[in-house]
């Protein structure tokens, strides 16, 4: 009887160690490589939107489309990495496109933040990126007054900004992004499409740059 329990205990411990090893090994891989969640095959160029804020040539060899949420901690984690990638590939045939996926059921402040960024971008693409960075920097402060404070800090034309926000001028653009994300069955942010390769989540820069370099080399 004692041998049976010793054997039974050994099996439980061994199974637990094996499960932990596989879990740790698996977590080293980006979710896109793990095929989780399963995303349909799609070319980034085919989901490019003329309404989206973008940097890089329109006929770029590599297109990186990012769906993000201003209230998502992982989108915040990815934001500086995206900035580094834009700087690294500024003189190459790579286009970066920003599309909104505010998960309003869990992140109610993400939608007005997206509108604020678009209204800022109305006064220049650089203003969009400055608002983008400022919103993520102050992610815990996304009230209407806090977003207005961001606009003042960026020295936007406040009359134009306030009018844009009051009219909900870019709600249609954001709705288009949401509809497209639904068709793609996206469930989390950030989600990237690097040409036809999906990357779901925030990772070190090398994860993205390695894929970009491979696509550029084709």
Protein backbone atom coordinates (compact mmCIF):
# COMPACT_ATOMS: atom_id res chain seq x y z
CA UNK A 1 0.00 0.00 0.00
CA UNK A 2 2.83 2.36 0.88
CA UNK A 3 4.51 1.69 -2.49
CA UNK A 4 1.26 2.52 -4.26
CA UNK A 5 0.99 5.91 -2.57
CA UNK A 6 4.66 6.67 -3.21
CA UNK A 7 4.15 5.84 -6.89
CA UNK A 8 0.92 7.87 -7.02
CA UNK A 9 2.67 10.87 -5.41
CA UNK A 10 5.56 10.59 -7.86
CA UNK A 11 3.16 10.60 -10.83
CA UNK A 12 1.41 13.76 -9.55
CA UNK A 13 4.69 15.59 -8.94
CA UNK A 14 6.13 14.53 -12.29
CA UNK A 15 2.97 15.63 -14.14
CA UNK A 16 3.03 19.00 -12.40
CA UNK A 17 6.69 19.59 -13.25
CA UNK A 18 6.12 18.58 -16.88
CA UNK A 19 3.09 20.89 -17.17
CA UNK A 20 5.05 23.79 -15.67
CA UNK A 21 7.97 23.17 -18.03
CA UNK A 22 5.71 23.15 -21.09
CA UNK A 23 3.89 26.27 -19.88
CA UNK A 24 7.11 28.22 -19.36
CA UNK A 25 8.49 27.01 -22.68
CA UNK A 26 5.28 27.98 -24.48
CA UNK A 27 5.08 31.44 -22.90
CA UNK A 28 8.40 32.37 -24.49
CA UNK A 29 6.64 32.42 -27.88
CA UNK A 30 4.46 35.24 -29.14
CA UNK A 31 0.79 34.34 -29.21
CA UNK A 32 0.79 34.71 -32.98
CA UNK A 33 3.34 31.91 -33.26
CA UNK A 34 1.25 29.81 -30.88
CA UNK A 35 -1.76 30.44 -33.15
CA UNK A 36 -3.73 31.80 -30.21
CA UNK A 37 -6.21 33.22 -30.88
CA UNK A 38 -6.69 31.78 -34.37
CA UNK A 39 -6.79 34.67 -36.82
CA UNK A 40 -7.85 34.39 -40.45
CA UNK A 41 -5.12 34.73 -43.08
CA UNK A 42 -5.12 38.35 -44.19
CA UNK A 43 -2.73 40.76 -45.83
CA UNK A 44 -2.14 43.97 -43.86
CA UNK A 45 -2.44 45.91 -47.11
CA UNK A 46 -5.98 44.58 -47.57
CA UNK A 47 -7.11 45.97 -44.20
CA UNK A 48 -5.37 49.28 -44.68
CA UNK A 49 -7.74 52.23 -44.23
CA UNK A 50 -7.34 55.57 -46.02
CA UNK A 51 -8.89 57.20 -42.92
CA UNK A 52 -6.26 55.86 -40.53
CA UNK A 53 -3.25 57.82 -39.31
CA UNK A 54 -0.16 56.35 -40.95
CA UNK A 55 3.53 57.02 -41.54
CA UNK A 56 5.57 55.61 -44.39
CA UNK A 57 5.06 55.24 -48.14
CA UNK A 58 1.68 54.05 -49.40
CA UNK A 59 3.32 51.50 -51.72
CA UNK A 60 5.60 50.17 -48.97
CA UNK A 61 7.00 46.67 -49.25
CA UNK A 62 5.98 46.01 -45.64
CA UNK A 63 2.79 47.30 -44.03
CA UNK A 64 2.33 47.14 -40.26
CA UNK A 65 -1.27 47.66 -39.14
CA UNK A 66 -1.81 48.02 -35.40
CA UNK A 67 -5.18 47.77 -33.63
CA UNK A 68 -4.88 49.30 -30.16
CA UNK A 69 -6.84 50.54 -27.14
CA UNK A 70 -5.77 53.64 -25.22
CA UNK A 71 -6.89 52.18 -21.89
CA UNK A 72 -5.23 48.79 -22.43
CA UNK A 73 -2.05 48.26 -20.35
CA UNK A 74 -0.55 46.07 -23.10
CA UNK A 75 -1.17 48.73 -25.75
CA UNK A 76 0.63 51.14 -23.42
CA UNK A 77 3.51 48.69 -23.11
CA UNK A 78 3.75 48.40 -26.89
CA UNK A 79 3.56 52.15 -27.62
CA UNK A 80 7.25 53.03 -27.03
CA UNK A 81 8.30 49.93 -28.96
CA UNK A 82 6.22 51.07 -31.92
CA UNK A 83 7.90 54.48 -31.68
CA UNK A 84 11.32 52.82 -31.81
CA UNK A 85 10.29 50.76 -34.83
CA UNK A 86 9.07 53.86 -36.69
CA UNK A 87 12.41 55.57 -36.05
CA UNK A 88 14.39 52.47 -37.04
CA UNK A 89 12.57 51.99 -40.34
CA UNK A 90 11.97 55.65 -41.21
CA UNK A 91 14.22 55.44 -44.29
CA UNK A 92 12.93 52.08 -45.52
CA UNK A 93 9.91 50.74 -47.36
CA UNK A 94 7.80 50.17 -44.23
CA UNK A 95 4.43 51.75 -43.50
CA UNK A 96 2.90 51.88 -40.00
CA UNK A 97 -0.85 52.34 -39.69
CA UNK A 98 -2.79 53.01 -36.49
CA UNK A 99 -6.33 51.70 -36.09
CA UNK A 100 -8.54 51.94 -33.03
CA UNK A 101 -10.06 49.05 -31.12
CA UNK A 102 -11.52 50.57 -27.93
CA UNK A 103 -12.83 47.68 -25.84
CA UNK A 104 -15.57 49.84 -24.39
CA UNK A 105 -17.14 47.17 -22.17
CA UNK A 106 -14.00 47.01 -20.03
CA UNK A 107 -12.30 50.27 -21.08
CA UNK A 108 -15.02 52.95 -21.28
CA UNK A 109 -12.48 55.79 -21.46
CA UNK A 110 -10.77 54.33 -24.54
CA UNK A 111 -13.33 55.73 -26.99
CA UNK A 112 -13.08 59.43 -25.97
CA UNK A 113 -9.29 59.01 -25.82
CA UNK A 114 -9.33 57.73 -29.40
CA UNK A 115 -11.45 60.70 -30.44
CA UNK A 116 -9.04 63.07 -28.68
CA UNK A 117 -6.09 61.61 -30.57
CA UNK A 118 -7.90 61.93 -33.90
CA UNK A 119 -8.98 65.49 -33.14
CA UNK A 120 -5.38 66.33 -32.28
CA UNK A 121 -4.23 64.71 -35.51
CA UNK A 122 -6.56 67.05 -37.39
CA UNK A 123 -4.00 69.74 -36.56
CA UNK A 124 -1.06 67.71 -37.87
CA UNK A 125 0.11 64.09 -37.88
CA UNK A 126 2.80 65.03 -35.36
CA UNK A 127 0.03 66.24 -33.03
CA UNK A 128 -1.63 62.83 -33.24
CA UNK A 129 1.56 61.11 -32.13
CA UNK A 130 2.17 63.63 -29.37
CA UNK A 131 -1.36 63.10 -28.08
CA UNK A 132 -0.93 59.32 -28.52
CA UNK A 133 2.19 59.36 -26.34
CA UNK A 134 0.69 61.75 -23.79
CA UNK A 135 -2.47 59.67 -23.38
CA UNK A 136 -0.46 56.53 -22.70
CA UNK A 137 1.86 58.43 -20.36
CA UNK A 138 -1.17 59.62 -18.33
CA UNK A 139 -3.26 56.50 -18.90
CA UNK A 140 -4.86 56.70 -15.46
CA UNK A 141 -6.20 60.18 -16.33
CA UNK A 142 -8.57 59.85 -19.27
CA UNK A 143 -11.49 62.02 -18.20
CA UNK A 144 -12.79 64.72 -20.55
CA UNK A 145 -11.03 67.42 -18.51
CA UNK A 146 -7.77 65.43 -18.46
CA UNK A 147 -7.88 65.03 -22.26
CA UNK A 148 -8.50 68.79 -22.55
CA UNK A 149 -5.45 69.37 -20.34
CA UNK A 150 -3.44 67.27 -22.81
CA UNK A 151 -4.68 69.45 -25.65
CA UNK A 152 -3.58 72.57 -23.80
CA UNK A 153 -0.18 71.05 -23.02
CA UNK A 154 0.27 70.30 -26.73
CA UNK A 155 -0.72 73.89 -27.56
CA UNK A 156 -3.49 72.79 -29.90
CA UNK A 157 -6.00 75.23 -31.28
CA UNK A 158 -8.47 74.65 -28.45
CA UNK A 159 -11.45 76.07 -30.29
CA UNK A 160 -10.90 73.64 -33.15
CA UNK A 161 -10.17 70.76 -30.78
CA UNK A 162 -13.24 71.37 -28.61
CA UNK A 163 -15.48 71.68 -31.67
CA UNK A 164 -14.09 68.43 -33.06
CA UNK A 165 -14.74 66.60 -29.77
CA UNK A 166 -18.24 68.07 -29.35
CA UNK A 167 -19.26 67.02 -32.87
CA UNK A 168 -17.85 63.51 -32.47
CA UNK A 169 -16.19 64.19 -35.80
CA UNK A 170 -14.18 60.97 -35.95
CA UNK A 171 -16.73 58.55 -34.53
CA UNK A 172 -17.29 57.20 -38.04
CA UNK A 173 -13.58 56.48 -38.48
CA UNK A 174 -13.40 54.67 -35.16
CA UNK A 175 -16.59 52.73 -35.94
CA UNK A 176 -15.02 51.59 -39.23
CA UNK A 177 -11.98 50.33 -37.29
CA UNK A 178 -14.27 48.48 -34.87
CA UNK A 179 -16.26 46.89 -37.72
CA UNK A 180 -13.08 45.75 -39.46
CA UNK A 181 -11.70 44.33 -36.21
CA UNK A 182 -14.96 42.40 -35.81
CA UNK A 183 -14.63 40.91 -39.29
CA UNK A 184 -11.10 39.84 -38.37
CA UNK A 185 -12.37 38.32 -35.11
CA UNK A 186 -9.87 40.29 -33.05
CA UNK A 187 -10.29 39.73 -29.32
CA UNK A 188 -7.44 41.66 -27.72
CA UNK A 189 -5.11 44.60 -28.03
CA UNK A 190 -2.63 45.34 -29.30
CA UNK A 191 -2.95 43.21 -32.41
CA UNK A 192 -0.48 43.74 -35.25
CA UNK A 193 -0.53 42.54 -38.83
CA UNK A 194 2.95 42.65 -40.38
CA UNK A 195 2.03 41.94 -43.99
CA UNK A 196 0.19 38.63 -43.52
CA UNK A 197 1.76 37.74 -40.16
CA UNK A 198 -0.33 38.45 -37.03
CA UNK A 199 1.33 39.30 -33.72
CA UNK A 200 -1.05 39.50 -30.77
CA UNK A 201 0.33 41.24 -27.70
CA UNK A 202 3.16 43.47 -26.53
CA UNK A 203 6.66 42.06 -26.99
CA UNK A 204 10.28 43.27 -27.12
CA UNK A 205 11.20 45.19 -30.27
CA UNK A 206 13.17 42.29 -31.74
CA UNK A 207 10.01 40.19 -32.08
CA UNK A 208 8.55 42.75 -34.49
CA UNK A 209 11.78 43.85 -36.20
CA UNK A 210 12.77 40.24 -36.98
CA UNK A 211 9.48 39.74 -38.84
CA UNK A 212 9.79 43.10 -40.61
CA UNK A 213 13.35 42.27 -41.71
CA UNK A 214 12.24 38.87 -43.02
CA UNK A 215 9.45 40.50 -45.02
CA UNK A 216 11.78 43.19 -46.39
CA UNK A 217 14.23 40.47 -47.49
CA UNK A 218 11.61 38.61 -49.55
